[in-house]
N, C-alpha and C. Protein backbone atom coordinates (compact mmCIF):
# COMPACT_ATOMS: atom_id res chain seq x y z
N UNK A 1 112.58 97.52 102.79
CA UNK A 1 112.50 97.83 101.38
C UNK A 1 111.04 97.76 100.92
N UNK A 2 110.69 98.69 100.07
CA UNK A 2 109.33 98.71 99.56
C UNK A 2 109.11 97.57 98.57
N UNK A 3 107.96 96.92 98.69
CA UNK A 3 107.66 95.88 97.73
C UNK A 3 106.86 96.45 96.56
N UNK A 4 106.68 95.66 95.54
CA UNK A 4 106.00 96.12 94.33
C UNK A 4 104.55 96.51 94.58
N UNK A 5 103.87 95.78 95.44
CA UNK A 5 102.46 96.09 95.71
C UNK A 5 102.31 97.46 96.35
N UNK A 6 103.20 97.78 97.30
CA UNK A 6 103.12 99.07 97.96
C UNK A 6 103.41 100.20 96.98
N UNK A 7 104.36 99.99 96.10
CA UNK A 7 104.68 101.00 95.08
C UNK A 7 103.47 101.20 94.16
N UNK A 8 102.79 100.13 93.79
CA UNK A 8 101.59 100.24 92.96
C UNK A 8 100.51 101.00 93.70
N UNK A 9 100.33 100.72 94.99
CA UNK A 9 99.34 101.45 95.79
C UNK A 9 99.68 102.93 95.83
N UNK A 10 100.95 103.26 96.01
CA UNK A 10 101.37 104.67 96.00
C UNK A 10 101.10 105.34 94.66
N UNK A 11 101.39 104.65 93.58
CA UNK A 11 101.17 105.22 92.25
C UNK A 11 99.69 105.42 91.95
N UNK A 12 98.86 104.47 92.34
CA UNK A 12 97.42 104.60 92.13
C UNK A 12 96.87 105.76 92.96
N UNK A 13 97.34 105.88 94.20
CA UNK A 13 96.93 107.00 95.05
C UNK A 13 97.32 108.33 94.41
N UNK A 14 98.55 108.42 93.93
CA UNK A 14 99.00 109.65 93.29
C UNK A 14 98.19 109.96 92.04
N UNK A 15 97.88 108.93 91.25
CA UNK A 15 97.09 109.14 90.04
C UNK A 15 95.69 109.65 90.37
N UNK A 16 95.07 109.05 91.39
CA UNK A 16 93.73 109.50 91.78
C UNK A 16 93.76 110.94 92.28
N UNK A 17 94.82 111.31 93.00
CA UNK A 17 94.93 112.68 93.49
C UNK A 17 95.24 113.68 92.38
N UNK A 18 95.77 113.20 91.29
CA UNK A 18 96.01 114.08 90.14
C UNK A 18 94.72 114.56 89.49
N UNK A 19 93.67 113.78 89.61
CA UNK A 19 92.40 114.13 88.98
C UNK A 19 91.86 115.46 89.52
N UNK A 20 91.69 115.63 90.85
CA UNK A 20 91.22 116.94 91.32
C UNK A 20 92.26 118.05 91.13
N UNK A 21 93.55 117.68 91.18
CA UNK A 21 94.59 118.69 90.98
C UNK A 21 94.52 119.29 89.57
N UNK A 22 94.35 118.43 88.58
CA UNK A 22 94.23 118.91 87.20
C UNK A 22 92.90 119.63 87.00
N UNK A 23 91.84 119.12 87.61
CA UNK A 23 90.52 119.76 87.48
C UNK A 23 90.54 121.17 88.04
N UNK A 24 91.34 121.40 89.09
CA UNK A 24 91.44 122.74 89.67
C UNK A 24 92.02 123.76 88.69
N UNK A 25 92.80 123.28 87.74
CA UNK A 25 93.40 124.17 86.74
C UNK A 25 92.40 124.63 85.69
N UNK A 26 91.33 123.85 85.50
CA UNK A 26 90.37 124.14 84.43
C UNK A 26 89.03 124.69 84.91
N UNK A 27 88.69 124.49 86.17
CA UNK A 27 87.40 124.94 86.66
C UNK A 27 87.53 125.46 88.08
N UNK A 28 86.67 126.37 88.43
CA UNK A 28 86.68 126.89 89.79
C UNK A 28 85.75 126.08 90.71
N UNK A 29 85.05 125.11 90.17
CA UNK A 29 84.15 124.28 90.96
C UNK A 29 84.90 123.29 91.85
N UNK A 30 86.11 122.95 91.46
CA UNK A 30 86.95 122.08 92.29
C UNK A 30 87.91 122.99 93.03
N UNK A 31 87.78 123.05 94.34
CA UNK A 31 88.58 123.97 95.14
C UNK A 31 89.15 123.22 96.35
N UNK A 32 90.19 122.44 96.15
CA UNK A 32 90.81 121.67 97.21
C UNK A 32 91.98 122.47 97.80
N UNK A 33 92.17 122.33 99.10
CA UNK A 33 93.33 122.92 99.75
C UNK A 33 94.37 121.82 99.98
N UNK A 34 95.51 122.20 100.50
CA UNK A 34 96.55 121.22 100.78
C UNK A 34 96.07 120.17 101.77
N UNK A 35 95.32 120.59 102.77
CA UNK A 35 94.83 119.63 103.77
C UNK A 35 93.85 118.63 103.14
N UNK A 36 93.09 119.06 102.14
CA UNK A 36 92.18 118.14 101.43
C UNK A 36 92.98 117.06 100.72
N UNK A 37 94.06 117.46 100.07
CA UNK A 37 94.90 116.48 99.38
C UNK A 37 95.58 115.53 100.36
N UNK A 38 96.01 116.05 101.50
CA UNK A 38 96.65 115.20 102.50
C UNK A 38 95.67 114.18 103.06
N UNK A 39 94.48 114.64 103.43
CA UNK A 39 93.47 113.73 103.99
C UNK A 39 93.06 112.69 102.96
N UNK A 40 92.81 113.11 101.73
CA UNK A 40 92.42 112.16 100.68
C UNK A 40 93.55 111.17 100.41
N UNK A 41 94.77 111.65 100.38
CA UNK A 41 95.91 110.76 100.16
C UNK A 41 96.07 109.73 101.25
N UNK A 42 95.96 110.16 102.50
CA UNK A 42 96.06 109.23 103.62
C UNK A 42 94.91 108.22 103.58
N UNK A 43 93.72 108.70 103.31
CA UNK A 43 92.56 107.81 103.25
C UNK A 43 92.70 106.77 102.14
N UNK A 44 93.13 107.20 100.97
CA UNK A 44 93.33 106.27 99.86
C UNK A 44 94.46 105.29 100.15
N UNK A 45 95.54 105.80 100.71
CA UNK A 45 96.69 104.95 101.00
C UNK A 45 96.35 103.90 102.06
N UNK A 46 95.69 104.31 103.11
CA UNK A 46 95.31 103.36 104.17
C UNK A 46 94.34 102.31 103.63
N UNK A 47 93.40 102.73 102.82
CA UNK A 47 92.45 101.77 102.23
C UNK A 47 93.19 100.76 101.36
N UNK A 48 94.10 101.23 100.53
CA UNK A 48 94.86 100.32 99.67
C UNK A 48 95.72 99.35 100.45
N UNK A 49 96.38 99.85 101.49
CA UNK A 49 97.24 98.99 102.31
C UNK A 49 96.40 97.97 103.07
N UNK A 50 95.25 98.39 103.58
CA UNK A 50 94.38 97.44 104.31
C UNK A 50 93.86 96.35 103.38
N UNK A 51 93.46 96.70 102.17
CA UNK A 51 93.00 95.68 101.22
C UNK A 51 94.14 94.75 100.83
N UNK A 52 95.33 95.30 100.64
CA UNK A 52 96.48 94.47 100.31
C UNK A 52 96.81 93.52 101.46
N UNK A 53 96.75 94.02 102.68
CA UNK A 53 96.99 93.18 103.85
C UNK A 53 95.97 92.04 103.93
N UNK A 54 94.70 92.37 103.69
CA UNK A 54 93.65 91.35 103.72
C UNK A 54 93.88 90.31 102.63
N UNK A 55 94.28 90.75 101.46
CA UNK A 55 94.53 89.82 100.35
C UNK A 55 95.68 88.89 100.68
N UNK A 56 96.71 89.42 101.33
CA UNK A 56 97.88 88.58 101.66
C UNK A 56 97.61 87.61 102.80
N UNK A 57 96.81 88.01 103.79
CA UNK A 57 96.66 87.19 104.99
C UNK A 57 95.48 86.24 104.97
N UNK A 58 94.45 86.54 104.21
CA UNK A 58 93.24 85.71 104.21
C UNK A 58 93.32 84.73 103.04
N UNK A 59 93.22 83.47 103.35
CA UNK A 59 93.38 82.43 102.33
C UNK A 59 92.09 82.12 101.56
N UNK A 60 90.96 82.17 102.23
CA UNK A 60 89.68 81.86 101.60
C UNK A 60 89.25 83.03 100.72
N UNK A 61 89.00 82.76 99.44
CA UNK A 61 88.69 83.82 98.48
C UNK A 61 87.40 84.56 98.83
N UNK A 62 86.41 83.84 99.36
CA UNK A 62 85.15 84.49 99.72
C UNK A 62 85.34 85.48 100.86
N UNK A 63 86.16 85.10 101.84
CA UNK A 63 86.43 86.01 102.95
C UNK A 63 87.27 87.21 102.50
N UNK A 64 88.20 86.96 101.58
CA UNK A 64 88.99 88.06 101.03
C UNK A 64 88.09 89.11 100.40
N UNK A 65 87.19 88.63 99.55
CA UNK A 65 86.28 89.55 98.86
C UNK A 65 85.40 90.28 99.87
N UNK A 66 84.89 89.56 100.86
CA UNK A 66 84.02 90.18 101.85
C UNK A 66 84.76 91.25 102.65
N UNK A 67 85.97 90.94 103.07
CA UNK A 67 86.74 91.90 103.85
C UNK A 67 87.08 93.13 103.01
N UNK A 68 87.48 92.93 101.76
CA UNK A 68 87.80 94.07 100.89
C UNK A 68 86.56 94.93 100.60
N UNK A 69 85.41 94.30 100.45
CA UNK A 69 84.18 95.06 100.24
C UNK A 69 83.85 95.89 101.47
N UNK A 70 84.02 95.32 102.66
CA UNK A 70 83.76 96.06 103.89
C UNK A 70 84.73 97.24 104.01
N UNK A 71 86.00 97.01 103.71
CA UNK A 71 87.00 98.08 103.75
C UNK A 71 86.62 99.19 102.78
N UNK A 72 86.21 98.83 101.57
CA UNK A 72 85.82 99.83 100.57
C UNK A 72 84.56 100.58 100.98
N UNK A 73 83.63 99.88 101.62
CA UNK A 73 82.42 100.56 102.11
C UNK A 73 82.77 101.58 103.20
N UNK A 74 83.66 101.21 104.12
CA UNK A 74 84.11 102.16 105.13
C UNK A 74 84.79 103.36 104.48
N UNK A 75 85.61 103.09 103.47
CA UNK A 75 86.26 104.17 102.73
C UNK A 75 85.22 105.12 102.14
N UNK A 76 84.21 104.57 101.48
CA UNK A 76 83.18 105.41 100.86
C UNK A 76 82.38 106.19 101.89
N UNK A 77 82.08 105.57 103.03
CA UNK A 77 81.36 106.29 104.09
C UNK A 77 82.18 107.44 104.65
N UNK A 78 83.46 107.20 104.89
CA UNK A 78 84.32 108.27 105.41
C UNK A 78 84.47 109.37 104.37
N UNK A 79 84.65 109.00 103.10
CA UNK A 79 84.79 109.99 102.03
C UNK A 79 83.53 110.85 101.92
N UNK A 80 82.37 110.20 101.97
CA UNK A 80 81.10 110.93 101.88
C UNK A 80 80.92 111.84 103.10
N UNK A 81 81.32 111.39 104.26
CA UNK A 81 81.22 112.21 105.46
C UNK A 81 82.08 113.46 105.34
N UNK A 82 83.29 113.29 104.87
CA UNK A 82 84.19 114.44 104.67
C UNK A 82 83.67 115.36 103.58
N UNK A 83 83.05 114.80 102.55
CA UNK A 83 82.61 115.61 101.41
C UNK A 83 81.35 116.42 101.73
N UNK A 84 80.33 115.75 102.27
CA UNK A 84 79.05 116.44 102.46
C UNK A 84 78.47 116.30 103.85
N UNK A 85 79.09 115.54 104.73
CA UNK A 85 78.57 115.39 106.08
C UNK A 85 77.28 114.61 106.16
N UNK A 86 77.29 113.35 105.69
CA UNK A 86 76.07 112.56 105.64
C UNK A 86 75.56 112.15 107.01
N UNK A 87 76.42 112.24 108.04
CA UNK A 87 76.00 111.85 109.38
C UNK A 87 75.62 113.06 110.23
N UNK A 88 75.49 114.21 109.61
CA UNK A 88 75.02 115.39 110.31
C UNK A 88 76.09 116.17 111.05
N UNK A 89 77.37 115.95 110.70
CA UNK A 89 78.42 116.71 111.36
C UNK A 89 78.82 117.92 110.56
């Protein structure tokens, strides 16, 4: 059974994905395909689940914050790589 935290992560992911979806209706500068939405959704969902897992399993608050910051930094690096190819790919 799904717990409340996972449902919240799903809702936040869906809300974030609504932003480019709605923007596509108003401007031609946002041009996402279905695969873009799938990749972004998986990336957001995995990041949220990993942070939730870290929050549940790590007892020390300083380590929780550090692990979540590292997870978010990896998320931003992967997002930037997919968006503009910062690593030269």
